[in-house]
Amino acid sequence: MSTEESWFELDCREMRCPAPIIELARHLGDVGVGELIGVAATDVAARVDVPAWCRMREQEYAGEASAPDGVPVFLVRRLS
């Protein structure tokens, strides 16, 4: 993934499992097919949960970036 590619960011800081995944599911439709949505999450489970959700929902896990405050952002490309 290009570091210059932008994404719609969900602020899921301080949310605990499964809230970040629920937010991802609720907001996937906020981006177009082919676009990225980023889940900014402090919950360590998100590092495993987001890629697993992508496999189950047939979306592309596009990797991890960092928010300006250093919080991990888990990137999902909407495929359908």
Protein backbone atom coordinates (compact mmCIF):
# COMPACT_ATOMS: atom_id res chain seq x y z
CA MET A 1 0.00 0.00 0.00
CA SER A 2 1.25 3.46 -0.84
CA THR A 3 1.86 5.58 2.24
CA GLU A 4 0.29 8.46 0.31
CA GLU A 5 -3.03 6.66 -0.12
CA SER A 6 -5.73 8.17 2.08
CA TRP A 7 -8.50 6.47 4.02
CA PHE A 8 -11.65 7.15 5.97
CA GLU A 9 -10.64 6.73 9.60
CA LEU A 10 -12.83 5.27 12.33
CA ASP A 11 -11.80 6.45 15.78
CA CYS A 12 -12.08 3.32 17.90
CA ARG A 13 -9.50 4.35 20.48
CA GLU A 14 -10.34 3.08 23.97
CA MET A 15 -13.08 0.77 22.59
CA ARG A 16 -12.76 -2.85 23.66
CA CYS A 17 -13.43 -5.98 21.64
CA PRO A 18 -15.76 -6.42 19.82
CA ALA A 19 -16.66 -2.71 19.48
CA PRO A 20 -14.00 -1.84 16.83
CA ILE A 21 -15.23 -4.67 14.58
CA ILE A 22 -18.85 -3.66 15.09
CA GLU A 23 -17.93 -0.09 14.07
CA LEU A 24 -16.06 -1.40 11.02
CA ALA A 25 -19.10 -3.43 9.94
CA ARG A 26 -21.42 -0.44 10.49
CA HIS A 27 -19.26 1.96 8.50
CA LEU A 28 -17.88 -0.15 5.64
CA GLY A 29 -20.62 1.30 3.42
CA ASP A 30 -19.30 4.80 4.12
CA VAL A 31 -16.52 4.19 1.59
CA GLY A 32 -16.79 3.19 -2.03
CA VAL A 33 -15.67 -0.11 -3.50
CA GLY A 34 -11.89 0.02 -3.86
CA GLU A 35 -11.46 2.64 -1.14
CA LEU A 36 -9.85 2.23 2.26
CA ILE A 37 -11.31 2.47 5.72
CA GLY A 38 -8.94 2.61 8.68
CA VAL A 39 -9.74 1.40 12.17
CA ALA A 40 -7.70 3.38 14.72
CA ALA A 41 -7.74 1.13 17.76
CA THR A 42 -5.85 0.85 21.03
CA ASP A 43 -7.33 -2.58 21.83
CA VAL A 44 -4.59 -5.15 21.13
CA ALA A 45 -7.21 -7.65 19.90
CA ALA A 46 -7.89 -5.44 16.86
CA ARG A 47 -4.56 -6.52 15.34
CA VAL A 48 -6.01 -10.04 14.99
CA ASP A 49 -9.72 -9.22 14.74
CA VAL A 50 -9.57 -6.86 11.75
CA PRO A 51 -7.74 -9.30 9.41
CA ALA A 52 -10.03 -12.14 10.58
CA TRP A 53 -13.11 -10.01 9.89
CA CYS A 54 -11.76 -9.24 6.42
CA ARG A 55 -11.35 -12.96 5.64
CA MET A 56 -14.86 -13.75 6.87
CA ARG A 57 -16.44 -10.82 4.97
CA GLU A 58 -14.31 -11.21 1.82
CA GLN A 59 -12.75 -7.78 2.11
CA GLU A 60 -9.04 -7.01 1.71
CA TYR A 61 -6.89 -6.44 4.77
CA ALA A 62 -4.52 -3.76 3.45
CA GLY A 63 -2.09 -3.62 6.36
CA GLU A 64 -1.32 -1.37 9.27
CA ALA A 65 -0.39 2.30 9.47
CA SER A 66 -0.01 4.73 12.35
CA ALA A 67 -2.19 7.68 13.26
CA PRO A 68 -0.37 10.95 14.02
CA ASP A 69 -0.63 10.11 17.74
CA GLY A 70 1.03 6.72 17.17
CA VAL A 71 -2.13 4.63 17.52
CA PRO A 72 -2.22 1.69 15.09
CA VAL A 73 -4.63 2.05 12.19
CA PHE A 74 -5.77 -1.23 10.61
CA LEU A 75 -6.62 -0.72 6.94
CA VAL A 76 -9.39 -2.45 5.03
CA ARG A 77 -10.05 -2.10 1.31
CA ARG A 78 -13.71 -2.50 0.46
CA LEU A 79 -14.07 -5.11 -2.27
CA SER A 80 -17.87 -5.33 -2.46
